[in-house]
Amino acid sequence: MGLFRRKASTKATESAAADETAAAPGGEPGGAEPTAAPAGRGPYDSSQVTAMGPRVDLGAVWLPVLPGLQLRMEVDKKSQKVTGVAASLQGSVLQVQAFAAPKTGGIWDEVREEIAASLTKQGGTVDDVPGAFGRELVARIPAKTAEGKPAVRPARFIGHDGPRWFLRGVLSGRAAVDTEAAKPLESVFANIVVVRDSNPRPPRDLLTLTLPRQARKDGAGADTTDGLPDTTPQAPSFDPLTRGPEITEIR
């Protein structure tokens, strides 16, 4: 699933160019701070870390693990490609996707405007507010209860512009409305490492995610991670720039 509507652009030939700077295995910065991040916070580029640390290797994303954290991979039914990952903890869900971005600048400001306009057009309400990772969107999205009655589902859209990549997160469940409940998943997002390959990619191209090594070895499909059972609560699958707000179970 793609988050963005692509615009006409030239596919600039890019090459991996960041010099590696030291960082602790847990993801604390050692040298240069991550692009556009508040002081002392990630997410991080792979050039900024020297070891994976306590993270799960999902290809373009190394995701930190916490006690009780449960992961579920989102797979496109048609292409069978992994397009996103949802991490759940105590009634909260963080959905993560990574995208290519121009090396000349970030895209989060532009993307926020597009998401806000789309959700507003479709009947939701959106506030652009300062947050833990800079500007973020606090949204109330039209939904329906199991009985078919109108309802509202809160969500927080967070983002981070890295070197030639952009990481988007969506917080739902308790984390969307409870500051304390959000902190553990904010920590997960802050300590993600993005592995951007050196291939030329158009801006907003989805970076390749893969199943965890243990899931591939066990033949467990897309619904388990290394030692983490799949009991993720209902999580949002947002594609606000191509269709209306949609709350679906990730399969």
Protein backbone atom coordinates (compact mmCIF):
# COMPACT_ATOMS: atom_id res chain seq x y z
CA MET A 1 0.00 0.00 0.00
CA GLY A 2 1.39 3.38 -0.97
CA LEU A 3 0.77 6.42 1.20
CA PHE A 4 1.52 9.11 -1.32
CA ARG A 5 0.30 10.44 -4.61
CA ARG A 6 3.40 10.76 -6.77
CA LYS A 7 4.09 13.99 -8.58
CA ALA A 8 5.98 14.43 -11.82
CA SER A 9 9.69 14.56 -11.03
CA THR A 10 13.01 13.52 -12.41
CA LYS A 11 14.56 10.37 -11.00
CA ALA A 12 17.83 11.80 -9.87
CA THR A 13 20.69 9.34 -9.79
CA GLU A 14 21.61 9.04 -6.16
CA SER A 15 24.34 7.13 -4.36
CA ALA A 16 24.79 6.11 -0.75
CA ALA A 17 27.07 8.74 0.69
CA ALA A 18 26.80 9.14 4.48
CA ASP A 19 29.95 8.68 6.58
CA GLU A 20 29.27 6.33 9.50
CA THR A 21 29.18 7.92 12.95
CA ALA A 22 29.26 6.00 16.20
CA ALA A 23 26.09 5.25 18.15
CA ALA A 24 25.28 2.99 21.09
CA PRO A 25 23.52 -0.31 20.31
CA GLY A 26 20.33 0.99 21.93
CA GLY A 27 20.09 3.74 19.34
CA GLU A 28 21.45 6.80 21.20
CA PRO A 29 23.26 9.22 18.88
CA GLY A 30 26.99 9.50 19.04
CA GLY A 31 28.03 11.90 16.28
CA ALA A 32 25.91 14.10 14.04
CA GLU A 33 22.27 14.41 15.05
CA PRO A 34 19.60 12.93 12.78
CA THR A 35 18.24 15.21 10.08
CA ALA A 36 15.44 17.52 11.31
CA ALA A 37 15.02 15.67 14.62
CA PRO A 38 14.68 17.34 18.01
CA ALA A 39 17.98 17.28 19.87
CA GLY A 40 19.01 13.81 21.01
CA ARG A 41 16.23 11.91 19.20
CA GLY A 42 15.96 9.62 16.20
CA PRO A 43 14.84 7.95 14.02
CA TYR A 44 18.30 7.22 12.65
CA ASP A 45 19.96 6.49 9.37
CA SER A 46 21.93 3.25 9.16
CA SER A 47 25.10 5.32 8.71
CA GLN A 48 24.63 6.62 12.25
CA VAL A 49 24.75 3.27 14.05
CA THR A 50 27.45 0.67 14.44
CA ALA A 51 25.25 -2.26 15.53
CA MET A 52 21.64 -3.32 15.12
CA GLY A 53 21.14 -3.50 18.88
CA PRO A 54 17.83 -4.81 20.27
CA ARG A 55 15.98 -4.42 16.99
CA VAL A 56 14.18 -6.67 14.50
CA ASP A 57 15.56 -6.60 10.94
CA LEU A 58 12.67 -5.81 8.58
CA GLY A 59 14.76 -4.82 5.58
CA ALA A 60 14.47 -1.06 5.14
CA VAL A 61 13.54 -0.69 8.80
CA TRP A 62 15.23 -2.00 11.93
CA LEU A 63 12.46 -1.86 14.53
CA PRO A 64 13.24 -1.72 18.28
CA VAL A 65 11.58 -4.35 20.45
CA LEU A 66 10.10 -3.90 23.92
CA PRO A 67 8.71 -6.46 26.41
CA GLY A 68 5.16 -7.25 25.34
CA LEU A 69 5.50 -5.59 21.92
CA GLN A 70 3.70 -7.53 19.19
CA LEU A 71 4.31 -7.07 15.47
CA ARG A 72 2.24 -7.74 12.41
CA MET A 73 3.35 -7.22 8.83
CA GLU A 74 1.05 -5.64 6.25
CA VAL A 75 1.20 -7.48 2.92
CA ASP A 76 -0.28 -6.35 -0.39
CA LYS A 77 -2.55 -9.19 -1.47
CA LYS A 78 -1.91 -8.69 -5.17
CA SER A 79 1.88 -8.33 -5.19
CA GLN A 80 2.55 -10.23 -1.93
CA LYS A 81 5.04 -7.51 -1.00
CA VAL A 82 5.41 -6.32 2.58
CA THR A 83 4.25 -2.69 2.65
CA GLY A 84 4.15 -1.81 6.32
CA VAL A 85 4.52 -2.99 9.89
CA ALA A 86 2.22 -2.48 12.86
CA ALA A 87 3.59 -2.65 16.40
CA SER A 88 1.04 -2.99 19.23
CA LEU A 89 1.46 -2.58 22.95
CA GLN A 90 -1.22 -2.43 25.65
CA GLY A 91 -4.06 -1.21 23.47
CA SER A 92 -1.96 1.11 21.30
CA VAL A 93 -0.73 0.61 17.74
CA LEU A 94 2.11 2.22 15.77
CA GLN A 95 2.04 1.64 12.02
CA VAL A 96 5.30 2.39 10.20
CA GLN A 97 6.30 2.83 6.55
CA ALA A 98 9.52 4.17 5.00
CA PHE A 99 9.79 6.02 1.69
CA ALA A 100 12.47 7.43 -0.58
CA ALA A 101 12.95 11.21 -0.47
CA PRO A 102 15.04 13.74 -2.41
CA LYS A 103 18.53 14.32 -1.09
CA THR A 104 17.93 18.05 -1.51
CA GLY A 105 15.32 18.30 1.26
CA GLY A 106 12.57 16.73 3.32
CA ILE A 107 8.95 16.09 2.34
CA TRP A 108 7.10 15.91 5.68
CA ASP A 109 5.78 19.50 5.50
CA GLU A 110 4.29 18.82 2.08
CA VAL A 111 2.95 15.40 3.06
CA ARG A 112 1.22 16.78 6.17
CA GLU A 113 -0.64 19.32 4.07
CA GLU A 114 -1.79 16.62 1.64
CA ILE A 115 -2.96 14.25 4.39
CA ALA A 116 -4.78 17.03 6.23
CA ALA A 117 -6.53 18.22 3.07
CA SER A 118 -7.57 14.68 2.13
CA LEU A 119 -8.94 13.76 5.55
CA THR A 120 -10.79 17.07 5.88
CA LYS A 121 -12.38 16.57 2.47
CA GLN A 122 -13.55 13.14 3.56
CA GLY A 123 -15.27 14.40 6.71
CA GLY A 124 -12.51 14.17 9.30
CA THR A 125 -10.97 16.89 11.43
CA VAL A 126 -7.22 17.51 11.58
CA ASP A 127 -5.02 19.73 13.74
CA ASP A 128 -1.39 20.46 12.82
CA VAL A 129 0.37 20.74 16.18
CA PRO A 130 3.89 20.54 17.66
CA GLY A 131 4.78 17.08 18.93
CA ALA A 132 7.59 14.82 20.07
CA PHE A 133 9.09 14.69 16.55
CA GLY A 134 8.30 18.20 15.37
CA ARG A 135 5.01 19.01 13.64
CA GLU A 136 2.41 16.25 13.61
CA LEU A 137 -1.25 15.77 12.72
CA VAL A 138 -3.89 14.93 15.32
CA ALA A 139 -6.88 13.57 13.41
CA ARG A 140 -10.41 12.40 14.15
CA ILE A 141 -11.42 10.05 11.38
CA PRO A 142 -14.98 8.99 10.51
CA ALA A 143 -15.56 5.30 11.23
CA LYS A 144 -18.35 2.89 12.13
CA THR A 145 -18.94 0.64 15.11
CA ALA A 146 -19.43 -3.11 14.78
CA GLU A 147 -23.16 -2.37 14.73
CA GLY A 148 -22.77 0.02 11.82
CA LYS A 149 -23.30 3.21 13.82
CA PRO A 150 -21.28 6.36 13.03
CA ALA A 151 -18.18 6.78 15.18
CA VAL A 152 -14.90 8.67 15.26
CA ARG A 153 -11.46 7.08 15.44
CA PRO A 154 -8.58 9.27 16.69
CA ALA A 155 -5.11 8.98 15.15
CA ARG A 156 -1.77 10.79 15.23
CA PHE A 157 0.35 11.10 12.10
CA ILE A 158 4.04 11.57 12.90
CA GLY A 159 6.96 11.83 10.48
CA HIS A 160 10.70 12.22 10.20
CA ASP A 161 12.81 13.43 7.27
CA GLY A 162 16.09 11.54 7.05
CA PRO A 163 18.91 11.62 4.46
CA ARG A 164 17.17 10.52 1.22
CA TRP A 165 14.33 8.84 3.11
CA PHE A 166 11.15 9.70 4.97
CA LEU A 167 9.64 7.68 7.82
CA ARG A 168 5.93 7.93 8.57
CA GLY A 169 4.17 6.63 11.67
CA VAL A 170 0.49 6.47 12.61
CA LEU A 171 -0.43 6.10 16.27
CA SER A 172 -3.90 4.76 17.04
CA GLY A 173 -5.75 3.29 19.99
CA ARG A 174 -4.82 4.63 23.43
CA ALA A 175 -1.64 6.24 22.10
CA ALA A 176 -3.71 8.61 19.96
CA VAL A 177 -5.37 10.23 22.99
CA ASP A 178 -3.27 9.35 26.06
CA THR A 179 0.14 11.00 26.44
CA GLU A 180 1.47 8.38 28.83
CA ALA A 181 0.22 5.45 26.72
CA ALA A 182 1.96 6.96 23.70
CA LYS A 183 5.42 7.18 25.27
CA PRO A 184 6.55 3.55 24.74
CA LEU A 185 5.59 3.57 21.05
CA GLU A 186 7.09 7.04 20.62
CA SER A 187 10.30 5.49 21.96
CA VAL A 188 10.03 2.71 19.39
CA PHE A 189 9.64 5.26 16.58
CA ALA A 190 12.50 7.39 17.94
CA ASN A 191 14.89 4.43 17.89
CA ILE A 192 14.03 3.03 14.46
CA VAL A 193 16.95 2.72 12.05
CA VAL A 194 16.18 3.21 8.36
CA VAL A 195 18.35 1.31 5.87
CA ARG A 196 18.20 3.20 2.57
CA ASP A 197 19.79 1.32 -0.31
CA SER A 198 21.96 3.13 -2.87
CA ASN A 199 19.56 2.56 -5.79
CA PRO A 200 18.07 5.62 -7.50
CA ARG A 201 14.43 5.92 -6.44
CA PRO A 202 11.73 8.46 -7.22
CA PRO A 203 10.62 10.50 -4.20
CA ARG A 204 7.86 8.79 -2.20
CA ASP A 205 8.77 5.33 -3.51
CA LEU A 206 8.04 2.78 -0.76
CA LEU A 207 11.26 1.31 0.60
CA THR A 208 11.39 -2.48 0.64
CA LEU A 209 10.34 -4.22 3.85
CA THR A 210 10.88 -7.92 4.49
CA LEU A 211 9.60 -10.51 6.92
CA PRO A 212 11.74 -11.10 10.01
CA ARG A 213 14.34 -13.80 9.57
CA GLN A 214 12.69 -16.14 12.11
CA ALA A 215 9.30 -15.87 10.40
CA ARG A 216 10.87 -16.71 7.03
CA LYS A 217 12.73 -19.69 8.51
CA ASP A 218 9.66 -21.05 10.29
CA GLY A 219 7.41 -20.55 7.29
CA ALA A 220 5.07 -18.66 9.57
CA GLY A 221 3.92 -16.23 6.90
CA ALA A 222 3.48 -12.52 7.53
CA ASP A 223 1.88 -12.72 10.94
CA THR A 224 4.71 -13.46 13.35
CA THR A 225 8.07 -11.97 14.24
CA ASP A 226 11.07 -13.32 16.11
CA GLY A 227 9.41 -14.74 19.22
CA LEU A 228 6.57 -12.20 19.15
CA PRO A 229 3.06 -13.70 18.81
CA ASP A 230 0.51 -12.13 16.50
CA THR A 231 -2.31 -10.74 18.64
CA THR A 232 -2.27 -7.20 17.29
CA PRO A 233 -5.52 -5.30 17.95
CA GLN A 234 -7.35 -3.71 15.06
CA ALA A 235 -5.00 -1.21 13.42
CA PRO A 236 -5.67 1.46 10.82
CA SER A 237 -4.52 1.00 7.24
CA PHE A 238 -4.31 4.59 6.02
CA ASP A 239 -4.04 5.54 2.37
CA PRO A 240 -5.64 8.99 2.68
CA LEU A 241 -4.36 10.38 -0.59
CA THR A 242 -6.07 7.83 -2.82
CA ARG A 243 -9.23 6.82 -0.96
CA GLY A 244 -11.30 7.67 2.08
CA PRO A 245 -10.21 6.94 5.65
CA GLU A 246 -10.36 3.21 6.09
CA ILE A 247 -10.09 1.16 9.26
CA THR A 248 -9.16 -2.41 8.38
CA GLU A 249 -7.45 -5.32 10.05
CA ILE A 250 -3.93 -5.82 8.72
CA ARG A 251 -3.63 -9.27 7.21
